[in-house]
N, C-alpha and C. Protein backbone atom coordinates (compact mmCIF):
# COMPACT_ATOMS: atom_id res chain seq x y z
N MET A 1 0.83 -1.18 0.00
CA MET A 1 0.00 0.00 0.00
C MET A 1 0.87 1.25 0.00
N ARG A 2 1.99 1.18 0.70
CA ARG A 2 2.88 2.34 0.76
C ARG A 2 3.33 2.74 -0.65
N ASN A 3 3.65 1.75 -1.47
CA ASN A 3 4.07 2.05 -2.85
C ASN A 3 2.96 2.72 -3.64
N CYS A 4 1.72 2.24 -3.46
CA CYS A 4 0.58 2.84 -4.17
C CYS A 4 0.37 4.28 -3.72
N ILE A 5 0.48 4.52 -2.42
CA ILE A 5 0.28 5.86 -1.88
C ILE A 5 1.30 6.82 -2.48
N GLU A 6 2.57 6.39 -2.49
CA GLU A 6 3.62 7.24 -3.03
C GLU A 6 3.45 7.44 -4.53
N GLU A 7 3.17 6.37 -5.25
CA GLU A 7 3.05 6.45 -6.70
C GLU A 7 1.87 7.32 -7.13
N LEU A 8 0.75 7.20 -6.42
CA LEU A 8 -0.45 7.95 -6.78
C LEU A 8 -0.50 9.34 -6.16
N GLY A 9 0.38 9.61 -5.18
CA GLY A 9 0.39 10.91 -4.54
C GLY A 9 -0.84 11.17 -3.70
N ILE A 10 -1.35 10.14 -3.04
CA ILE A 10 -2.52 10.29 -2.18
C ILE A 10 -2.16 9.84 -0.76
N ASP A 11 -3.05 10.12 0.20
CA ASP A 11 -2.76 9.70 1.57
C ASP A 11 -3.43 8.36 1.88
N ASN A 12 -3.09 7.81 3.02
CA ASN A 12 -3.59 6.51 3.47
C ASN A 12 -5.12 6.48 3.52
N ASN A 13 -5.73 7.53 4.06
CA ASN A 13 -7.20 7.57 4.16
C ASN A 13 -7.85 7.46 2.80
N LYS A 14 -7.36 8.22 1.85
CA LYS A 14 -7.97 8.22 0.51
C LYS A 14 -7.86 6.85 -0.14
N LEU A 15 -6.69 6.21 -0.03
CA LEU A 15 -6.50 4.89 -0.62
C LEU A 15 -7.41 3.86 0.04
N CYS A 16 -7.45 3.85 1.38
CA CYS A 16 -8.29 2.89 2.10
C CYS A 16 -9.77 3.07 1.77
N ASN A 17 -10.23 4.31 1.71
CA ASN A 17 -11.62 4.57 1.36
C ASN A 17 -11.92 4.17 -0.08
N TYR A 18 -10.97 4.36 -0.98
CA TYR A 18 -11.15 3.95 -2.37
C TYR A 18 -11.30 2.43 -2.45
N ILE A 19 -10.43 1.70 -1.77
CA ILE A 19 -10.50 0.24 -1.78
C ILE A 19 -11.83 -0.22 -1.21
N LEU A 20 -12.23 0.36 -0.09
CA LEU A 20 -13.50 -0.01 0.54
C LEU A 20 -14.66 0.28 -0.41
N ASP A 21 -14.65 1.41 -1.07
CA ASP A 21 -15.72 1.77 -1.99
C ASP A 21 -15.81 0.80 -3.15
N ARG A 22 -14.69 0.40 -3.71
CA ARG A 22 -14.68 -0.49 -4.88
C ARG A 22 -14.99 -1.95 -4.55
N LEU A 23 -14.61 -2.41 -3.38
CA LEU A 23 -14.77 -3.83 -3.05
C LEU A 23 -15.75 -4.08 -1.90
N LYS A 24 -16.58 -3.11 -1.57
CA LYS A 24 -17.40 -3.22 -0.37
C LYS A 24 -18.34 -4.42 -0.33
N TYR A 25 -18.85 -4.87 -1.43
CA TYR A 25 -19.79 -5.98 -1.40
C TYR A 25 -19.26 -7.24 -2.07
N LYS A 26 -17.97 -7.28 -2.34
CA LYS A 26 -17.41 -8.49 -2.94
C LYS A 26 -15.95 -8.62 -2.54
N LYS A 27 -15.58 -9.82 -2.29
CA LYS A 27 -14.18 -10.10 -1.99
C LYS A 27 -13.63 -10.86 -3.19
N ALA A 28 -13.03 -10.14 -4.10
CA ALA A 28 -12.57 -10.75 -5.34
C ALA A 28 -11.13 -11.24 -5.25
N ILE A 29 -10.49 -11.01 -4.11
CA ILE A 29 -9.07 -11.35 -3.99
C ILE A 29 -8.89 -12.40 -2.89
N ASP A 30 -8.14 -13.46 -3.20
CA ASP A 30 -7.79 -14.47 -2.21
C ASP A 30 -6.51 -14.01 -1.52
N VAL A 31 -6.68 -13.25 -0.44
CA VAL A 31 -5.55 -12.60 0.23
C VAL A 31 -4.54 -13.60 0.75
N GLU A 32 -5.00 -14.64 1.42
CA GLU A 32 -4.07 -15.63 1.97
C GLU A 32 -3.20 -16.23 0.88
N ARG A 33 -3.79 -16.55 -0.24
CA ARG A 33 -3.05 -17.13 -1.36
C ARG A 33 -2.03 -16.14 -1.90
N GLU A 34 -2.43 -14.90 -2.06
CA GLU A 34 -1.53 -13.88 -2.57
C GLU A 34 -0.34 -13.67 -1.65
N LEU A 35 -0.59 -13.62 -0.35
CA LEU A 35 0.51 -13.42 0.59
C LEU A 35 1.41 -14.65 0.65
N GLU A 36 0.81 -15.82 0.54
CA GLU A 36 1.59 -17.05 0.55
C GLU A 36 2.55 -17.07 -0.65
N ILE A 37 2.06 -16.67 -1.80
CA ILE A 37 2.89 -16.61 -3.01
C ILE A 37 4.07 -15.66 -2.79
N GLN A 38 3.80 -14.55 -2.12
CA GLN A 38 4.84 -13.55 -1.89
C GLN A 38 5.71 -13.89 -0.68
N GLY A 39 5.28 -14.90 0.11
CA GLY A 39 6.05 -15.30 1.29
C GLY A 39 6.03 -14.26 2.39
N ARG A 40 4.91 -13.52 2.50
CA ARG A 40 4.82 -12.46 3.50
C ARG A 40 3.63 -12.67 4.44
N PRO A 41 3.86 -12.52 5.74
CA PRO A 41 2.75 -12.59 6.71
C PRO A 41 2.05 -11.23 6.81
N VAL A 42 0.83 -11.22 7.33
CA VAL A 42 0.10 -9.98 7.56
C VAL A 42 0.41 -9.54 8.98
N LYS A 43 1.11 -8.42 9.13
CA LYS A 43 1.46 -7.95 10.46
C LYS A 43 1.30 -6.44 10.60
N LYS A 44 0.97 -5.76 9.57
CA LYS A 44 0.91 -4.30 9.58
C LYS A 44 -0.47 -3.82 10.05
N ILE A 45 -0.46 -2.82 10.92
CA ILE A 45 -1.70 -2.20 11.39
C ILE A 45 -2.01 -1.03 10.47
N ILE A 46 -3.25 -0.97 10.00
CA ILE A 46 -3.68 0.12 9.13
C ILE A 46 -4.85 0.82 9.81
N GLN A 47 -4.74 2.12 9.97
CA GLN A 47 -5.84 2.90 10.53
C GLN A 47 -6.23 3.96 9.53
N PHE A 48 -7.55 4.16 9.40
CA PHE A 48 -8.03 5.20 8.50
C PHE A 48 -9.39 5.66 8.96
N ASP A 49 -9.79 6.84 8.52
CA ASP A 49 -11.10 7.40 8.83
C ASP A 49 -11.99 7.20 7.62
N LEU A 50 -13.21 6.74 7.86
CA LEU A 50 -14.16 6.59 6.77
C LEU A 50 -14.53 7.94 6.18
N ASN A 51 -14.62 8.01 4.86
CA ASN A 51 -15.12 9.25 4.26
C ASN A 51 -16.64 9.27 4.37
N GLY A 52 -17.25 10.37 3.99
CA GLY A 52 -18.70 10.53 4.15
C GLY A 52 -19.52 9.45 3.46
N ALA A 53 -19.18 9.12 2.21
CA ALA A 53 -19.93 8.13 1.46
C ALA A 53 -19.82 6.75 2.08
N ASN A 54 -18.61 6.36 2.48
CA ASN A 54 -18.43 5.04 3.09
C ASN A 54 -19.04 4.96 4.48
N LYS A 55 -19.05 6.09 5.18
CA LYS A 55 -19.63 6.11 6.52
C LYS A 55 -21.14 5.79 6.45
N LYS A 56 -21.79 6.27 5.40
CA LYS A 56 -23.23 6.04 5.25
C LYS A 56 -23.57 4.58 5.00
N VAL A 57 -22.68 3.84 4.34
CA VAL A 57 -22.98 2.45 3.99
C VAL A 57 -22.20 1.42 4.82
N TYR A 58 -21.43 1.89 5.80
CA TYR A 58 -20.54 1.04 6.57
C TYR A 58 -21.26 -0.19 7.16
N TYR A 59 -22.34 0.02 7.87
CA TYR A 59 -23.05 -1.10 8.50
C TYR A 59 -23.73 -2.00 7.47
N ASP A 60 -24.15 -1.41 6.35
CA ASP A 60 -24.71 -2.22 5.26
C ASP A 60 -23.63 -3.15 4.70
N ILE A 61 -22.42 -2.63 4.55
CA ILE A 61 -21.30 -3.44 4.06
C ILE A 61 -21.06 -4.62 4.97
N LEU A 62 -21.01 -4.36 6.28
CA LEU A 62 -20.78 -5.44 7.24
C LEU A 62 -21.89 -6.48 7.18
N ARG A 63 -23.13 -6.02 7.14
CA ARG A 63 -24.27 -6.94 7.11
C ARG A 63 -24.30 -7.76 5.82
N GLU A 64 -24.13 -7.11 4.68
CA GLU A 64 -24.18 -7.80 3.39
C GLU A 64 -23.08 -8.84 3.23
N ASN A 65 -21.92 -8.60 3.85
CA ASN A 65 -20.80 -9.53 3.77
C ASN A 65 -20.78 -10.54 4.91
N GLY A 66 -21.79 -10.49 5.78
CA GLY A 66 -21.87 -11.44 6.90
C GLY A 66 -20.68 -11.30 7.85
N VAL A 67 -20.24 -10.08 8.06
CA VAL A 67 -19.05 -9.83 8.87
C VAL A 67 -19.37 -9.95 10.35
N GLU A 68 -18.61 -10.79 11.03
CA GLU A 68 -18.73 -10.92 12.47
C GLU A 68 -17.60 -10.18 13.18
N VAL A 69 -16.42 -10.20 12.59
CA VAL A 69 -15.25 -9.52 13.17
C VAL A 69 -14.78 -8.48 12.16
N GLU A 70 -15.02 -7.20 12.48
CA GLU A 70 -14.70 -6.13 11.55
C GLU A 70 -13.22 -6.12 11.17
N ALA A 71 -12.35 -6.26 12.14
CA ALA A 71 -10.91 -6.20 11.86
C ALA A 71 -10.49 -7.28 10.86
N GLU A 72 -11.05 -8.47 11.01
CA GLU A 72 -10.71 -9.56 10.10
C GLU A 72 -11.18 -9.26 8.68
N HIS A 73 -12.37 -8.72 8.57
CA HIS A 73 -12.92 -8.36 7.25
C HIS A 73 -12.01 -7.34 6.56
N PHE A 74 -11.60 -6.31 7.28
CA PHE A 74 -10.78 -5.29 6.66
C PHE A 74 -9.35 -5.76 6.39
N ARG A 75 -8.82 -6.66 7.21
CA ARG A 75 -7.52 -7.23 6.89
C ARG A 75 -7.59 -7.97 5.57
N GLU A 76 -8.65 -8.73 5.37
CA GLU A 76 -8.81 -9.45 4.10
C GLU A 76 -9.02 -8.49 2.94
N LEU A 77 -9.77 -7.45 3.17
CA LEU A 77 -10.06 -6.48 2.11
C LEU A 77 -8.80 -5.73 1.67
N PHE A 78 -8.02 -5.29 2.63
CA PHE A 78 -6.82 -4.52 2.31
C PHE A 78 -5.65 -5.42 2.00
């Protein structure tokens, strides 16, 4: 994510909100498989503030995706 932020010239909040907006109702990426291929564990903490549009649909996103643990859902998403 750091590379994307630098390359696109945006901040962490904007990138995280963009990802959430684009993938909010579908998980199209097999994160565990991708990390396994790269040989990297997930250990980084990411914090961001929801933008206005995502804030309005936040609970709908959780409900539609059957999310029980928010942190786990967002780790998979990011």
